[in-house]
Amino acid sequence: GKPVSDTPYTDPDGGEHRLSDHQGKALLLNFWATW
C-alpha cells in the first residue's frame, strides 16, 4: 500500500523513465527476461 520506487529504468535508446511518469494511471508492472 506504500508509494512505489521511483528508481529509473531505460528504453533501448538509453532514455530514462520512472514509474512517476505514469502518475494518474493504474499500472501492471511486469519484470521478465528473455531467458
PDB file of all heavy atoms in Angstrom:
ATOM      1  N   GLY A   1       0.788  -1.222   0.000  1.00  0.00           N
ATOM      2  CA  GLY A   1       0.000   0.000   0.000  1.00  0.00           C
ATOM      3  C   GLY A   1       0.824   1.278   0.000  1.00  0.00           C
ATOM      4  O   GLY A   1       0.279   2.373   0.031  1.00  0.00           O
ATOM      5  N   LYS A   2       2.139   1.148  -0.051  1.00  0.00           N
ATOM      6  CA  LYS A   2       3.025   2.301   0.005  1.00  0.00           C
ATOM      7  C   LYS A   2       3.356   2.799  -1.402  1.00  0.00           C
ATOM      8  O   LYS A   2       3.257   2.056  -2.373  1.00  0.00           O
ATOM      9  CB  LYS A   2       4.317   1.931   0.726  1.00  0.00           C
ATOM     10  CG  LYS A   2       4.106   1.571   2.178  1.00  0.00           C
ATOM     11  CD  LYS A   2       5.412   1.183   2.826  1.00  0.00           C
ATOM     12  CE  LYS A   2       5.178   0.757   4.272  1.00  0.00           C
ATOM     13  NZ  LYS A   2       6.414   0.262   4.881  1.00  0.00           N
ATOM     14  N   PRO A   3       3.809   4.041  -1.498  1.00  0.00           N
ATOM     15  CA  PRO A   3       4.258   4.545  -2.798  1.00  0.00           C
ATOM     16  C   PRO A   3       5.390   3.680  -3.342  1.00  0.00           C
ATOM     17  O   PRO A   3       6.259   3.233  -2.590  1.00  0.00           O
ATOM     18  CB  PRO A   3       4.757   5.962  -2.484  1.00  0.00           C
ATOM     19  CG  PRO A   3       4.020   6.358  -1.242  1.00  0.00           C
ATOM     20  CD  PRO A   3       3.868   5.079  -0.459  1.00  0.00           C
ATOM     21  N   VAL A   4       5.358   3.460  -4.655  1.00  0.00           N
ATOM     22  CA  VAL A   4       6.364   2.606  -5.277  1.00  0.00           C
ATOM     23  C   VAL A   4       7.653   3.375  -5.549  1.00  0.00           C
ATOM     24  O   VAL A   4       7.677   4.606  -5.548  1.00  0.00           O
ATOM     25  CB  VAL A   4       5.834   1.970  -6.587  1.00  0.00           C
ATOM     26  CG1 VAL A   4       4.657   1.062  -6.293  1.00  0.00           C
ATOM     27  CG2 VAL A   4       5.471   3.029  -7.609  1.00  0.00           C
ATOM     28  N   SER A   5       8.692   2.647  -5.809  1.00  0.00           N
ATOM     29  CA  SER A   5      10.009   3.207  -6.094  1.00  0.00           C
ATOM     30  C   SER A   5       9.974   4.106  -7.329  1.00  0.00           C
ATOM     31  O   SER A   5       9.204   3.875  -8.264  1.00  0.00           O
ATOM     32  CB  SER A   5      10.993   2.057  -6.343  1.00  0.00           C
ATOM     33  OG  SER A   5      12.228   2.556  -6.800  1.00  0.00           O
ATOM     34  N   ASP A   6      10.821   5.099  -7.328  1.00  0.00           N
ATOM     35  CA  ASP A   6      10.955   5.967  -8.495  1.00  0.00           C
ATOM     36  C   ASP A   6      12.341   5.811  -9.124  1.00  0.00           C
ATOM     37  O   ASP A   6      12.842   6.705  -9.801  1.00  0.00           O
ATOM     38  CB  ASP A   6      10.669   7.421  -8.123  1.00  0.00           C
ATOM     39  CG  ASP A   6      10.097   8.198  -9.294  1.00  0.00           C
ATOM     40  OD1 ASP A   6       9.422   7.592 -10.144  1.00  0.00           O
ATOM     41  OD2 ASP A   6      10.337   9.412  -9.361  1.00  0.00           O
ATOM     42  N   THR A   7      12.952   4.648  -8.891  1.00  0.00           N
ATOM     43  CA  THR A   7      14.242   4.338  -9.491  1.00  0.00           C
ATOM     44  C   THR A   7      14.092   4.324 -11.004  1.00  0.00           C
ATOM     45  O   THR A   7      13.141   3.736 -11.527  1.00  0.00           O
ATOM     46  CB  THR A   7      14.730   2.966  -8.981  1.00  0.00           C
ATOM     47  OG1 THR A   7      14.905   3.053  -7.568  1.00  0.00           O
ATOM     48  CG2 THR A   7      16.030   2.561  -9.641  1.00  0.00           C
ATOM     49  N   PRO A   8      15.012   4.926 -11.725  1.00  0.00           N
ATOM     50  CA  PRO A   8      14.873   4.974 -13.180  1.00  0.00           C
ATOM     51  C   PRO A   8      15.121   3.623 -13.850  1.00  0.00           C
ATOM     52  O   PRO A   8      15.842   2.771 -13.326  1.00  0.00           O
ATOM     53  CB  PRO A   8      15.938   5.991 -13.609  1.00  0.00           C
ATOM     54  CG  PRO A   8      16.911   6.039 -12.503  1.00  0.00           C
ATOM     55  CD  PRO A   8      16.173   5.680 -11.246  1.00  0.00           C
ATOM     56  N   TYR A   9      14.512   3.468 -14.996  1.00  0.00           N
ATOM     57  CA  TYR A   9      14.762   2.359 -15.916  1.00  0.00           C
ATOM     58  C   TYR A   9      14.891   2.995 -17.288  1.00  0.00           C
ATOM     59  O   TYR A   9      14.671   4.203 -17.439  1.00  0.00           O
ATOM     60  CB  TYR A   9      13.636   1.315 -15.846  1.00  0.00           C
ATOM     61  CG  TYR A   9      12.244   1.866 -16.019  1.00  0.00           C
ATOM     62  CD1 TYR A   9      11.649   1.920 -17.278  1.00  0.00           C
ATOM     63  CD2 TYR A   9      11.519   2.342 -14.931  1.00  0.00           C
ATOM     64  CE1 TYR A   9      10.366   2.443 -17.437  1.00  0.00           C
ATOM     65  CE2 TYR A   9      10.249   2.861 -15.083  1.00  0.00           C
ATOM     66  CZ  TYR A   9       9.682   2.908 -16.340  1.00  0.00           C
ATOM     67  OH  TYR A   9       8.418   3.424 -16.498  1.00  0.00           O
ATOM     68  N   THR A  10      15.283   2.239 -18.285  1.00  0.00           N
ATOM     69  CA  THR A  10      15.583   2.835 -19.584  1.00  0.00           C
ATOM     70  C   THR A  10      14.816   2.175 -20.722  1.00  0.00           C
ATOM     71  O   THR A  10      14.234   1.105 -20.560  1.00  0.00           O
ATOM     72  CB  THR A  10      17.087   2.756 -19.896  1.00  0.00           C
ATOM     73  OG1 THR A  10      17.471   1.378 -19.980  1.00  0.00           O
ATOM     74  CG2 THR A  10      17.920   3.467 -18.844  1.00  0.00           C
ATOM     75  N   ASP A  11      14.882   2.831 -21.872  1.00  0.00           N
ATOM     76  CA  ASP A  11      14.412   2.226 -23.118  1.00  0.00           C
ATOM     77  C   ASP A  11      15.659   1.826 -23.912  1.00  0.00           C
ATOM     78  O   ASP A  11      16.781   2.118 -23.488  1.00  0.00           O
ATOM     79  CB  ASP A  11      13.501   3.199 -23.889  1.00  0.00           C
ATOM     80  CG  ASP A  11      14.162   4.505 -24.245  1.00  0.00           C
ATOM     81  OD1 ASP A  11      15.350   4.514 -24.652  1.00  0.00           O
ATOM     82  OD2 ASP A  11      13.501   5.553 -24.122  1.00  0.00           O
ATOM     83  N   PRO A  12      15.506   1.141 -25.036  1.00  0.00           N
ATOM     84  CA  PRO A  12      16.681   0.683 -25.786  1.00  0.00           C
ATOM     85  C   PRO A  12      17.602   1.805 -26.270  1.00  0.00           C
ATOM     86  O   PRO A  12      18.786   1.570 -26.514  1.00  0.00           O
ATOM     87  CB  PRO A  12      16.076  -0.062 -26.978  1.00  0.00           C
ATOM     88  CG  PRO A  12      14.752  -0.512 -26.495  1.00  0.00           C
ATOM     89  CD  PRO A  12      14.271   0.592 -25.594  1.00  0.00           C
ATOM     90  N   ASP A  13      17.091   3.018 -26.389  1.00  0.00           N
ATOM     91  CA  ASP A  13      17.914   4.148 -26.833  1.00  0.00           C
ATOM     92  C   ASP A  13      18.629   4.837 -25.670  1.00  0.00           C
ATOM     93  O   ASP A  13      19.315   5.841 -25.871  1.00  0.00           O
ATOM     94  CB  ASP A  13      17.047   5.172 -27.575  1.00  0.00           C
ATOM     95  CG  ASP A  13      16.444   4.593 -28.838  1.00  0.00           C
ATOM     96  OD1 ASP A  13      17.125   3.772 -29.499  1.00  0.00           O
ATOM     97  OD2 ASP A  13      15.292   4.948 -29.158  1.00  0.00           O
ATOM     98  N   GLY A  14      18.450   4.319 -24.459  1.00  0.00           N
ATOM     99  CA  GLY A  14      19.096   4.901 -23.290  1.00  0.00           C
ATOM    100  C   GLY A  14      18.271   5.975 -22.606  1.00  0.00           C
ATOM    101  O   GLY A  14      18.709   6.552 -21.619  1.00  0.00           O
ATOM    102  N   GLY A  15      17.075   6.246 -23.112  1.00  0.00           N
ATOM    103  CA  GLY A  15      16.202   7.227 -22.474  1.00  0.00           C
ATOM    104  C   GLY A  15      15.799   6.758 -21.092  1.00  0.00           C
ATOM    105  O   GLY A  15      15.494   5.589 -20.893  1.00  0.00           O
ATOM    106  N   GLU A  16      15.818   7.667 -20.146  1.00  0.00           N
ATOM    107  CA  GLU A  16      15.489   7.334 -18.764  1.00  0.00           C
ATOM    108  C   GLU A  16      14.001   7.551 -18.494  1.00  0.00           C
ATOM    109  O   GLU A  16      13.431   8.554 -18.912  1.00  0.00           O
ATOM    110  CB  GLU A  16      16.329   8.206 -17.828  1.00  0.00           C
ATOM    111  CG  GLU A  16      16.271   7.770 -16.385  1.00  0.00           C
ATOM    112  CD  GLU A  16      17.246   8.544 -15.527  1.00  0.00           C
ATOM    113  OE1 GLU A  16      18.437   8.168 -15.495  1.00  0.00           O
ATOM    114  OE2 GLU A  16      16.801   9.527 -14.902  1.00  0.00           O
ATOM    115  N   HIS A  17      13.401   6.601 -17.789  1.00  0.00           N
ATOM    116  CA  HIS A  17      11.982   6.663 -17.440  1.00  0.00           C
ATOM    117  C   HIS A  17      11.832   6.328 -15.960  1.00  0.00           C
ATOM    118  O   HIS A  17      12.692   5.693 -15.363  1.00  0.00           O
ATOM    119  CB  HIS A  17      11.172   5.665 -18.274  1.00  0.00           C
ATOM    120  CG  HIS A  17      11.355   5.850 -19.741  1.00  0.00           C
ATOM    121  ND1 HIS A  17      10.626   6.747 -20.469  1.00  0.00           N
ATOM    122  CD2 HIS A  17      12.210   5.255 -20.608  1.00  0.00           C
ATOM    123  CE1 HIS A  17      10.999   6.706 -21.726  1.00  0.00           C
ATOM    124  NE2 HIS A  17      11.972   5.810 -21.839  1.00  0.00           N
ATOM    125  N   ARG A  18      10.708   6.752 -15.397  1.00  0.00           N
ATOM    126  CA  ARG A  18      10.381   6.454 -13.999  1.00  0.00           C
ATOM    127  C   ARG A  18       8.899   6.106 -13.908  1.00  0.00           C
ATOM    128  O   ARG A  18       8.098   6.554 -14.723  1.00  0.00           O
ATOM    129  CB  ARG A  18      10.677   7.665 -13.110  1.00  0.00           C
ATOM    130  CG  ARG A  18      12.131   8.040 -13.077  1.00  0.00           C
ATOM    131  CD  ARG A  18      12.354   9.342 -12.321  1.00  0.00           C
ATOM    132  NE  ARG A  18      13.750   9.705 -12.325  1.00  0.00           N
ATOM    133  CZ  ARG A  18      14.645   9.296 -11.424  1.00  0.00           C
ATOM    134  NH1 ARG A  18      14.264   8.511 -10.437  1.00  0.00           N
ATOM    135  NH2 ARG A  18      15.891   9.668 -11.505  1.00  0.00           N
ATOM    136  N   LEU A  19       8.534   5.345 -12.898  1.00  0.00           N
ATOM    137  CA  LEU A  19       7.123   5.000 -12.709  1.00  0.00           C
ATOM    138  C   LEU A  19       6.293   6.256 -12.474  1.00  0.00           C
ATOM    139  O   LEU A  19       5.123   6.312 -12.863  1.00  0.00           O
ATOM    140  CB  LEU A  19       6.963   4.002 -11.571  1.00  0.00           C
ATOM    141  CG  LEU A  19       7.578   2.618 -11.841  1.00  0.00           C
ATOM    142  CD1 LEU A  19       7.469   1.740 -10.597  1.00  0.00           C
ATOM    143  CD2 LEU A  19       6.917   1.952 -13.034  1.00  0.00           C
ATOM    144  N   SER A  20       6.891   7.286 -11.881  1.00  0.00           N
ATOM    145  CA  SER A  20       6.158   8.533 -11.643  1.00  0.00           C
ATOM    146  C   SER A  20       5.758   9.222 -12.948  1.00  0.00           C
ATOM    147  O   SER A  20       4.870  10.076 -12.940  1.00  0.00           O
ATOM    148  CB  SER A  20       6.971   9.486 -10.770  1.00  0.00           C
ATOM    149  OG  SER A  20       8.192   9.828 -11.409  1.00  0.00           O
ATOM    150  N   ASP A  21       6.366   8.841 -14.062  1.00  0.00           N
ATOM    151  CA  ASP A  21       5.955   9.374 -15.366  1.00  0.00           C
ATOM    152  C   ASP A  21       4.514   8.990 -15.689  1.00  0.00           C
ATOM    153  O   ASP A  21       3.888   9.593 -16.546  1.00  0.00           O
ATOM    154  CB  ASP A  21       6.850   8.851 -16.498  1.00  0.00           C
ATOM    155  CG  ASP A  21       8.303   9.273 -16.372  1.00  0.00           C
ATOM    156  OD1 ASP A  21       8.586  10.242 -15.630  1.00  0.00           O
ATOM    157  OD2 ASP A  21       9.157   8.620 -17.005  1.00  0.00           O
ATOM    158  N   HIS A  22       4.002   7.981 -14.989  1.00  0.00           N
ATOM    159  CA  HIS A  22       2.659   7.458 -15.242  1.00  0.00           C
ATOM    160  C   HIS A  22       1.665   7.845 -14.153  1.00  0.00           C
ATOM    161  O   HIS A  22       0.606   7.222 -14.017  1.00  0.00           O
ATOM    162  CB  HIS A  22       2.716   5.932 -15.389  1.00  0.00           C
ATOM    163  CG  HIS A  22       3.633   5.487 -16.465  1.00  0.00           C
ATOM    164  ND1 HIS A  22       3.265   5.457 -17.787  1.00  0.00           N
ATOM    165  CD2 HIS A  22       4.922   5.080 -16.422  1.00  0.00           C
ATOM    166  CE1 HIS A  22       4.280   5.044 -18.510  1.00  0.00           C
ATOM    167  NE2 HIS A  22       5.296   4.814 -17.715  1.00  0.00           N
ATOM    168  N   GLN A  23       2.013   8.858 -13.361  1.00  0.00           N
ATOM    169  CA  GLN A  23       1.126   9.310 -12.277  1.00  0.00           C
ATOM    170  C   GLN A  23      -0.281   9.547 -12.822  1.00  0.00           C
ATOM    171  O   GLN A  23      -0.455  10.099 -13.903  1.00  0.00           O
ATOM    172  CB  GLN A  23       1.671  10.597 -11.653  1.00  0.00           C
ATOM    173  CG  GLN A  23       0.983  11.002 -10.383  1.00  0.00           C
ATOM    174  CD  GLN A  23       1.274  10.070  -9.215  1.00  0.00           C
ATOM    175  OE1 GLN A  23       2.296   9.406  -9.156  1.00  0.00           O
ATOM    176  NE2 GLN A  23       0.351  10.018  -8.272  1.00  0.00           N
ATOM    177  N   GLY A  24      -1.287   9.083 -12.106  1.00  0.00           N
ATOM    178  CA  GLY A  24      -2.676   9.229 -12.534  1.00  0.00           C
ATOM    179  C   GLY A  24      -3.170   8.051 -13.363  1.00  0.00           C
ATOM    180  O   GLY A  24      -4.322   8.035 -13.784  1.00  0.00           O
ATOM    181  N   LYS A  25      -2.305   7.068 -13.572  1.00  0.00           N
ATOM    182  CA  LYS A  25      -2.647   5.895 -14.380  1.00  0.00           C
ATOM    183  C   LYS A  25      -2.326   4.640 -13.572  1.00  0.00           C
ATOM    184  O   LYS A  25      -1.247   4.531 -12.988  1.00  0.00           O
ATOM    185  CB  LYS A  25      -1.808   5.924 -15.660  1.00  0.00           C
ATOM    186  CG  LYS A  25      -2.101   4.823 -16.635  1.00  0.00           C
ATOM    187  CD  LYS A  25      -1.178   4.903 -17.856  1.00  0.00           C
ATOM    188  CE  LYS A  25      -1.579   6.036 -18.751  1.00  0.00           C
ATOM    189  NZ  LYS A  25      -1.000   5.927 -20.110  1.00  0.00           N
ATOM    190  N   ALA A  26      -3.267   3.704 -13.510  1.00  0.00           N
ATOM    191  CA  ALA A  26      -3.006   2.417 -12.860  1.00  0.00           C
ATOM    192  C   ALA A  26      -2.060   1.622 -13.754  1.00  0.00           C
ATOM    193  O   ALA A  26      -2.117   1.722 -14.985  1.00  0.00           O
ATOM    194  CB  ALA A  26      -4.307   1.659 -12.643  1.00  0.00           C
ATOM    195  N   LEU A  27      -1.184   0.839 -13.124  1.00  0.00           N
ATOM    196  CA  LEU A  27      -0.179   0.092 -13.871  1.00  0.00           C
ATOM    197  C   LEU A  27      -0.153  -1.373 -13.490  1.00  0.00           C
ATOM    198  O   LEU A  27      -0.332  -1.722 -12.320  1.00  0.00           O
ATOM    199  CB  LEU A  27       1.221   0.668 -13.608  1.00  0.00           C
ATOM    200  CG  LEU A  27       1.465   2.125 -13.938  1.00  0.00           C
ATOM    201  CD1 LEU A  27       2.839   2.552 -13.424  1.00  0.00           C
ATOM    202  CD2 LEU A  27       1.342   2.363 -15.435  1.00  0.00           C
ATOM    203  N   LEU A  28       0.111  -2.200 -14.467  1.00  0.00           N
ATOM    204  CA  LEU A  28       0.507  -3.581 -14.236  1.00  0.00           C
ATOM    205  C   LEU A  28       1.976  -3.603 -14.641  1.00  0.00           C
ATOM    206  O   LEU A  28       2.307  -3.484 -15.815  1.00  0.00           O
ATOM    207  CB  LEU A  28      -0.297  -4.561 -15.082  1.00  0.00           C
ATOM    208  CG  LEU A  28      -0.006  -6.045 -14.833  1.00  0.00           C
ATOM    209  CD1 LEU A  28      -1.226  -6.888 -15.171  1.00  0.00           C
ATOM    210  CD2 LEU A  28       1.201  -6.533 -15.582  1.00  0.00           C
ATOM    211  N   LEU A  29       2.850  -3.681 -13.648  1.00  0.00           N
ATOM    212  CA  LEU A  29       4.294  -3.684 -13.861  1.00  0.00           C
ATOM    213  C   LEU A  29       4.767  -5.124 -13.830  1.00  0.00           C
ATOM    214  O   LEU A  29       4.531  -5.836 -12.851  1.00  0.00           O
ATOM    215  CB  LEU A  29       4.979  -2.869 -12.761  1.00  0.00           C
ATOM    216  CG  LEU A  29       6.494  -2.883 -12.713  1.00  0.00           C
ATOM    217  CD1 LEU A  29       7.087  -2.262 -13.977  1.00  0.00           C
ATOM    218  CD2 LEU A  29       6.980  -2.146 -11.471  1.00  0.00           C
ATOM    219  N   ASN A  30       5.416  -5.554 -14.909  1.00  0.00           N
ATOM    220  CA  ASN A  30       5.855  -6.938 -15.011  1.00  0.00           C
ATOM    221  C   ASN A  30       7.350  -6.977 -15.293  1.00  0.00           C
ATOM    222  O   ASN A  30       7.824  -6.375 -16.257  1.00  0.00           O
ATOM    223  CB  ASN A  30       5.078  -7.642 -16.133  1.00  0.00           C
ATOM    224  CG  ASN A  30       5.497  -9.088 -16.305  1.00  0.00           C
ATOM    225  OD1 ASN A  30       6.417  -9.384 -17.045  1.00  0.00           O
ATOM    226  ND2 ASN A  30       4.787  -9.971 -15.633  1.00  0.00           N
ATOM    227  N   PHE A  31       8.082  -7.667 -14.437  1.00  0.00           N
ATOM    228  CA  PHE A  31       9.510  -7.903 -14.650  1.00  0.00           C
ATOM    229  C   PHE A  31       9.666  -9.260 -15.320  1.00  0.00           C
ATOM    230  O   PHE A  31       9.079 -10.251 -14.876  1.00  0.00           O
ATOM    231  CB  PHE A  31      10.270  -7.884 -13.317  1.00  0.00           C
ATOM    232  CG  PHE A  31      10.316  -6.531 -12.680  1.00  0.00           C
ATOM    233  CD1 PHE A  31       9.425  -6.182 -11.678  1.00  0.00           C
ATOM    234  CD2 PHE A  31      11.255  -5.591 -13.092  1.00  0.00           C
ATOM    235  CE1 PHE A  31       9.472  -4.932 -11.084  1.00  0.00           C
ATOM    236  CE2 PHE A  31      11.301  -4.333 -12.502  1.00  0.00           C
ATOM    237  CZ  PHE A  31      10.411  -4.004 -11.489  1.00  0.00           C
ATOM    238  N   TRP A  32      10.480  -9.298 -16.377  1.00  0.00           N
ATOM    239  CA  TRP A  32      10.650 -10.516 -17.158  1.00  0.00           C
ATOM    240  C   TRP A  32      12.079 -10.572 -17.690  1.00  0.00           C
ATOM    241  O   TRP A  32      12.854  -9.638 -17.506  1.00  0.00           O
ATOM    242  CB  TRP A  32       9.640 -10.553 -18.308  1.00  0.00           C
ATOM    243  CG  TRP A  32       9.962  -9.571 -19.412  1.00  0.00           C
ATOM    244  CD1 TRP A  32       9.811  -8.214 -19.378  1.00  0.00           C
ATOM    245  CD2 TRP A  32      10.505  -9.883 -20.678  1.00  0.00           C
ATOM    246  NE1 TRP A  32      10.229  -7.657 -20.556  1.00  0.00           N
ATOM    247  CE2 TRP A  32      10.659  -8.656 -21.381  1.00  0.00           C
ATOM    248  CE3 TRP A  32      10.867 -11.066 -21.304  1.00  0.00           C
ATOM    249  CZ2 TRP A  32      11.177  -8.604 -22.674  1.00  0.00           C
ATOM    250  CZ3 TRP A  32      11.375 -11.009 -22.593  1.00  0.00           C
ATOM    251  CH2 TRP A  32      11.518  -9.794 -23.266  1.00  0.00           C
ATOM    252  N   ALA A  33      12.411 -11.671 -18.359  1.00  0.00           N
ATOM    253  CA  ALA A  33      13.718 -11.806 -19.005  1.00  0.00           C
ATOM    254  C   ALA A  33      13.570 -12.710 -20.224  1.00  0.00           C
ATOM    255  O   ALA A  33      12.699 -13.588 -20.264  1.00  0.00           O
ATOM    256  CB  ALA A  33      14.737 -12.393 -18.039  1.00  0.00           C
ATOM    257  N   THR A  34      14.438 -12.497 -21.201  1.00  0.00           N
ATOM    258  CA  THR A  34      14.382 -13.295 -22.438  1.00  0.00           C
ATOM    259  C   THR A  34      14.671 -14.760 -22.178  1.00  0.00           C
ATOM    260  O   THR A  34      14.163 -15.623 -22.889  1.00  0.00           O
ATOM    261  CB  THR A  34      15.390 -12.766 -23.478  1.00  0.00           C
ATOM    262  OG1 THR A  34      16.700 -12.744 -22.890  1.00  0.00           O
ATOM    263  CG2 THR A  34      15.016 -11.381 -23.950  1.00  0.00           C
ATOM    264  N   TRP A  35      15.456 -15.070 -21.173  1.00  0.00           N
ATOM    265  CA  TRP A  35      15.835 -16.453 -20.870  1.00  0.00           C
ATOM    266  C   TRP A  35      14.815 -17.173 -19.979  1.00  0.00           C
ATOM    267  O   TRP A  35      14.952 -18.359 -19.706  1.00  0.00           O
ATOM    268  CB  TRP A  35      17.215 -16.482 -20.198  1.00  0.00           C
ATOM    269  CG  TRP A  35      17.344 -15.499 -19.078  1.00  0.00           C
ATOM    270  CD1 TRP A  35      17.903 -14.259 -19.140  1.00  0.00           C
ATOM    271  CD2 TRP A  35      16.873 -15.659 -17.733  1.00  0.00           C
ATOM    272  NE1 TRP A  35      17.816 -13.623 -17.910  1.00  0.00           N
ATOM    273  CE2 TRP A  35      17.185 -14.466 -17.033  1.00  0.00           C
ATOM    274  CE3 TRP A  35      16.225 -16.677 -17.053  1.00  0.00           C
ATOM    275  CZ2 TRP A  35      16.883 -14.278 -15.689  1.00  0.00           C
ATOM    276  CZ3 TRP A  35      15.916 -16.486 -15.717  1.00  0.00           C
ATOM    277  CH2 TRP A  35      16.239 -15.295 -15.051  1.00  0.00           C
TER     278      TRP A  35
END
